[in-house]
């Protein structure tokens, strides 16, 4: 049973899930594209866009010392989908619109994962 999940259309990001493997087609970052076996899938994390408080605070402190009050701002980390395999980690950057589809993909990948820690 093959299942195709399109996370975004431009640039194209698509997952094709088969019985024993999954394929990633990432037009934004070709090094993520490939076919991977579920038996090597360790985990999948989804990080939503959030404020990086450390960088934002350091920016505000630097503003105090330089006298450029109001120049610093809130720095945000982009949303990403991180796929942990036995021999590598794949990080896929997402836009705000991609997060809901990425969560569905994350859940399906974890349901089919067969890797067990040895």
C-alpha atoms as a PDB file:
ATOM      1  CA  UNK A   1       0.000   0.000   0.000  1.00  0.00           C
ATOM      2  CA  UNK A   2       1.639   3.202  -1.226  1.00  0.00           C
ATOM      3  CA  UNK A   3       0.685   6.529   0.315  1.00  0.00           C
ATOM      4  CA  UNK A   4       1.679   9.921  -1.102  1.00  0.00           C
ATOM      5  CA  UNK A   5       1.757  13.031   1.089  1.00  0.00           C
ATOM      6  CA  UNK A   6       2.413  16.437  -0.380  1.00  0.00           C
ATOM      7  CA  UNK A   7       3.529  18.905   2.270  1.00  0.00           C
ATOM      8  CA  UNK A   8       3.918  21.830  -0.124  1.00  0.00           C
ATOM      9  CA  UNK A   9       3.669  22.491  -3.837  1.00  0.00           C
ATOM     10  CA  UNK A  10       6.232  25.299  -4.335  1.00  0.00           C
ATOM     11  CA  UNK A  11       8.970  24.316  -3.948  1.00  0.00           C
ATOM     12  CA  UNK A  12       7.686  20.763  -4.062  1.00  0.00           C
ATOM     13  CA  UNK A  13       8.038  18.669  -0.902  1.00  0.00           C
ATOM     14  CA  UNK A  14       6.498  15.232  -1.135  1.00  0.00           C
ATOM     15  CA  UNK A  15       6.734  11.958   0.791  1.00  0.00           C
ATOM     16  CA  UNK A  16       5.875   8.574  -0.720  1.00  0.00           C
ATOM     17  CA  UNK A  17       5.396   5.855   1.889  1.00  0.00           C
ATOM     18  CA  UNK A  18       5.636   2.211   0.832  1.00  0.00           C
ATOM     19  CA  UNK A  19       5.583  -0.917   2.976  1.00  0.00           C
ATOM     20  CA  UNK A  20       9.299  -1.015   3.861  1.00  0.00           C
ATOM     21  CA  UNK A  21      10.598   2.364   2.724  1.00  0.00           C
ATOM     22  CA  UNK A  22       9.751   6.000   2.221  1.00  0.00           C
ATOM     23  CA  UNK A  23      10.894   8.472  -0.390  1.00  0.00           C
ATOM     24  CA  UNK A  24      11.463  12.174   0.140  1.00  0.00           C
ATOM     25  CA  UNK A  25      11.289  14.544  -2.822  1.00  0.00           C
ATOM     26  CA  UNK A  26      12.489  17.964  -1.649  1.00  0.00           C
ATOM     27  CA  UNK A  27      12.925  20.492  -4.463  1.00  0.00           C
ATOM     28  CA  UNK A  28      14.136  23.165  -2.004  1.00  0.00           C
ATOM     29  CA  UNK A  29      17.063  21.049  -0.768  1.00  0.00           C
ATOM     30  CA  UNK A  30      18.052  18.142  -3.030  1.00  0.00           C
ATOM     31  CA  UNK A  31      20.365  16.586  -0.418  1.00  0.00           C
ATOM     32  CA  UNK A  32      17.246  15.587   1.547  1.00  0.00           C
ATOM     33  CA  UNK A  33      15.757  13.713  -1.417  1.00  0.00           C
ATOM     34  CA  UNK A  34      16.141   9.956  -1.521  1.00  0.00           C
ATOM     35  CA  UNK A  35      14.714   6.601  -0.536  1.00  0.00           C
ATOM     36  CA  UNK A  36      15.061   5.541   3.093  1.00  0.00           C
ATOM     37  CA  UNK A  37      14.166   2.285   4.847  1.00  0.00           C
ATOM     38  CA  UNK A  38      11.757   2.288   7.794  1.00  0.00           C
ATOM     39  CA  UNK A  39      14.042  -0.143   9.619  1.00  0.00           C
ATOM     40  CA  UNK A  40      16.634   2.687   9.896  1.00  0.00           C
ATOM     41  CA  UNK A  41      14.137   5.342  11.039  1.00  0.00           C
ATOM     42  CA  UNK A  42      14.788   6.212  14.687  1.00  0.00           C
ATOM     43  CA  UNK A  43      12.536   9.221  15.282  1.00  0.00           C
ATOM     44  CA  UNK A  44      10.799  12.211  13.675  1.00  0.00           C
ATOM     45  CA  UNK A  45      10.476  15.633  15.349  1.00  0.00           C
ATOM     46  CA  UNK A  46       8.460  18.625  14.272  1.00  0.00           C
ATOM     47  CA  UNK A  47       9.516  22.020  15.585  1.00  0.00           C
ATOM     48  CA  UNK A  48       7.123  24.880  14.993  1.00  0.00           C
ATOM     49  CA  UNK A  49       8.270  28.460  14.455  1.00  0.00           C
ATOM     50  CA  UNK A  50       9.157  30.014  17.802  1.00  0.00           C
ATOM     51  CA  UNK A  51      10.954  32.993  19.258  1.00  0.00           C
ATOM     52  CA  UNK A  52      14.635  32.458  20.026  1.00  0.00           C
ATOM     53  CA  UNK A  53      14.690  34.182  23.390  1.00  0.00           C
ATOM     54  CA  UNK A  54      18.463  33.927  23.859  1.00  0.00           C
ATOM     55  CA  UNK A  55      19.292  35.736  20.614  1.00  0.00           C
ATOM     56  CA  UNK A  56      16.467  38.250  21.114  1.00  0.00           C
ATOM     57  CA  UNK A  57      17.659  39.065  24.658  1.00  0.00           C
ATOM     58  CA  UNK A  58      21.281  39.401  23.547  1.00  0.00           C
ATOM     59  CA  UNK A  59      20.122  41.752  20.788  1.00  0.00           C
ATOM     60  CA  UNK A  60      18.263  43.936  23.271  1.00  0.00           C
ATOM     61  CA  UNK A  61      21.284  44.018  25.622  1.00  0.00           C
ATOM     62  CA  UNK A  62      23.579  44.979  22.730  1.00  0.00           C
ATOM     63  CA  UNK A  63      21.155  47.799  21.901  1.00  0.00           C
ATOM     64  CA  UNK A  64      21.487  49.147  25.437  1.00  0.00           C
ATOM     65  CA  UNK A  65      25.285  49.304  25.164  1.00  0.00           C
ATOM     66  CA  UNK A  66      25.362  50.800  21.672  1.00  0.00           C
ATOM     67  CA  UNK A  67      22.550  53.282  22.263  1.00  0.00           C
ATOM     68  CA  UNK A  68      20.521  51.916  19.335  1.00  0.00           C
ATOM     69  CA  UNK A  69      17.340  51.475  21.343  1.00  0.00           C
ATOM     70  CA  UNK A  70      14.607  49.810  19.333  1.00  0.00           C
ATOM     71  CA  UNK A  71      16.890  48.329  16.662  1.00  0.00           C
ATOM     72  CA  UNK A  72      16.931  44.815  18.153  1.00  0.00           C
ATOM     73  CA  UNK A  73      13.883  42.666  17.803  1.00  0.00           C
ATOM     74  CA  UNK A  74      12.418  39.252  18.237  1.00  0.00           C
ATOM     75  CA  UNK A  75      14.385  36.614  16.368  1.00  0.00           C
ATOM     76  CA  UNK A  76      12.418  33.560  15.340  1.00  0.00           C
ATOM     77  CA  UNK A  77      13.607  30.052  14.555  1.00  0.00           C
ATOM     78  CA  UNK A  78      11.961  28.616  11.443  1.00  0.00           C
ATOM     79  CA  UNK A  79       9.721  25.576  11.626  1.00  0.00           C
ATOM     80  CA  UNK A  80      11.384  22.320  10.614  1.00  0.00           C
ATOM     81  CA  UNK A  81      10.828  18.599  10.313  1.00  0.00           C
ATOM     82  CA  UNK A  82      13.761  16.548  11.571  1.00  0.00           C
ATOM     83  CA  UNK A  83      14.055  12.888  10.561  1.00  0.00           C
ATOM     84  CA  UNK A  84      16.551  10.836  12.584  1.00  0.00           C
ATOM     85  CA  UNK A  85      17.940   7.807  10.769  1.00  0.00           C
ATOM     86  CA  UNK A  86      20.596   5.381  12.006  1.00  0.00           C
ATOM     87  CA  UNK A  87      23.365   6.971   9.911  1.00  0.00           C
ATOM     88  CA  UNK A  88      22.141  10.563   9.336  1.00  0.00           C
ATOM     89  CA  UNK A  89      19.691  13.283  10.260  1.00  0.00           C
ATOM     90  CA  UNK A  90      17.532  15.051   7.679  1.00  0.00           C
ATOM     91  CA  UNK A  91      16.318  18.572   8.455  1.00  0.00           C
ATOM     92  CA  UNK A  92      13.567  19.981   6.252  1.00  0.00           C
ATOM     93  CA  UNK A  93      12.694  23.676   6.604  1.00  0.00           C
ATOM     94  CA  UNK A  94       8.988  24.484   6.596  1.00  0.00           C
ATOM     95  CA  UNK A  95       6.815  27.552   6.123  1.00  0.00           C
ATOM     96  CA  UNK A  96       3.905  28.311   8.445  1.00  0.00           C
ATOM     97  CA  UNK A  97       1.470  26.725   5.999  1.00  0.00           C
ATOM     98  CA  UNK A  98       3.420  23.449   5.893  1.00  0.00           C
ATOM     99  CA  UNK A  99       3.224  22.617   9.614  1.00  0.00           C
ATOM    100  CA  UNK A 100      -0.189  20.897   9.629  1.00  0.00           C
ATOM    101  CA  UNK A 101       0.712  18.587   6.713  1.00  0.00           C
ATOM    102  CA  UNK A 102       4.140  17.961   8.237  1.00  0.00           C
ATOM    103  CA  UNK A 103       2.511  16.816  11.501  1.00  0.00           C
ATOM    104  CA  UNK A 104       0.367  14.293   9.606  1.00  0.00           C
ATOM    105  CA  UNK A 105       3.477  13.051   7.809  1.00  0.00           C
ATOM    106  CA  UNK A 106       5.394  12.796  11.115  1.00  0.00           C
ATOM    107  CA  UNK A 107       2.649  10.666  12.644  1.00  0.00           C
ATOM    108  CA  UNK A 108       2.477   8.324   9.639  1.00  0.00           C
ATOM    109  CA  UNK A 109       6.263   7.893   9.574  1.00  0.00           C
ATOM    110  CA  UNK A 110       6.323   7.046  13.282  1.00  0.00           C
ATOM    111  CA  UNK A 111       3.479   4.533  12.851  1.00  0.00           C
ATOM    112  CA  UNK A 112       5.496   2.650  10.212  1.00  0.00           C
ATOM    113  CA  UNK A 113       8.860   2.858  11.958  1.00  0.00           C
ATOM    114  CA  UNK A 114      10.361  -0.569  12.681  1.00  0.00           C
ATOM    115  CA  UNK A 115      13.745   0.422  14.160  1.00  0.00           C
ATOM    116  CA  UNK A 116      14.461  -0.924  17.634  1.00  0.00           C
ATOM    117  CA  UNK A 117      17.366   0.216  19.764  1.00  0.00           C
ATOM    118  CA  UNK A 118      20.016  -2.460  20.139  1.00  0.00           C
END
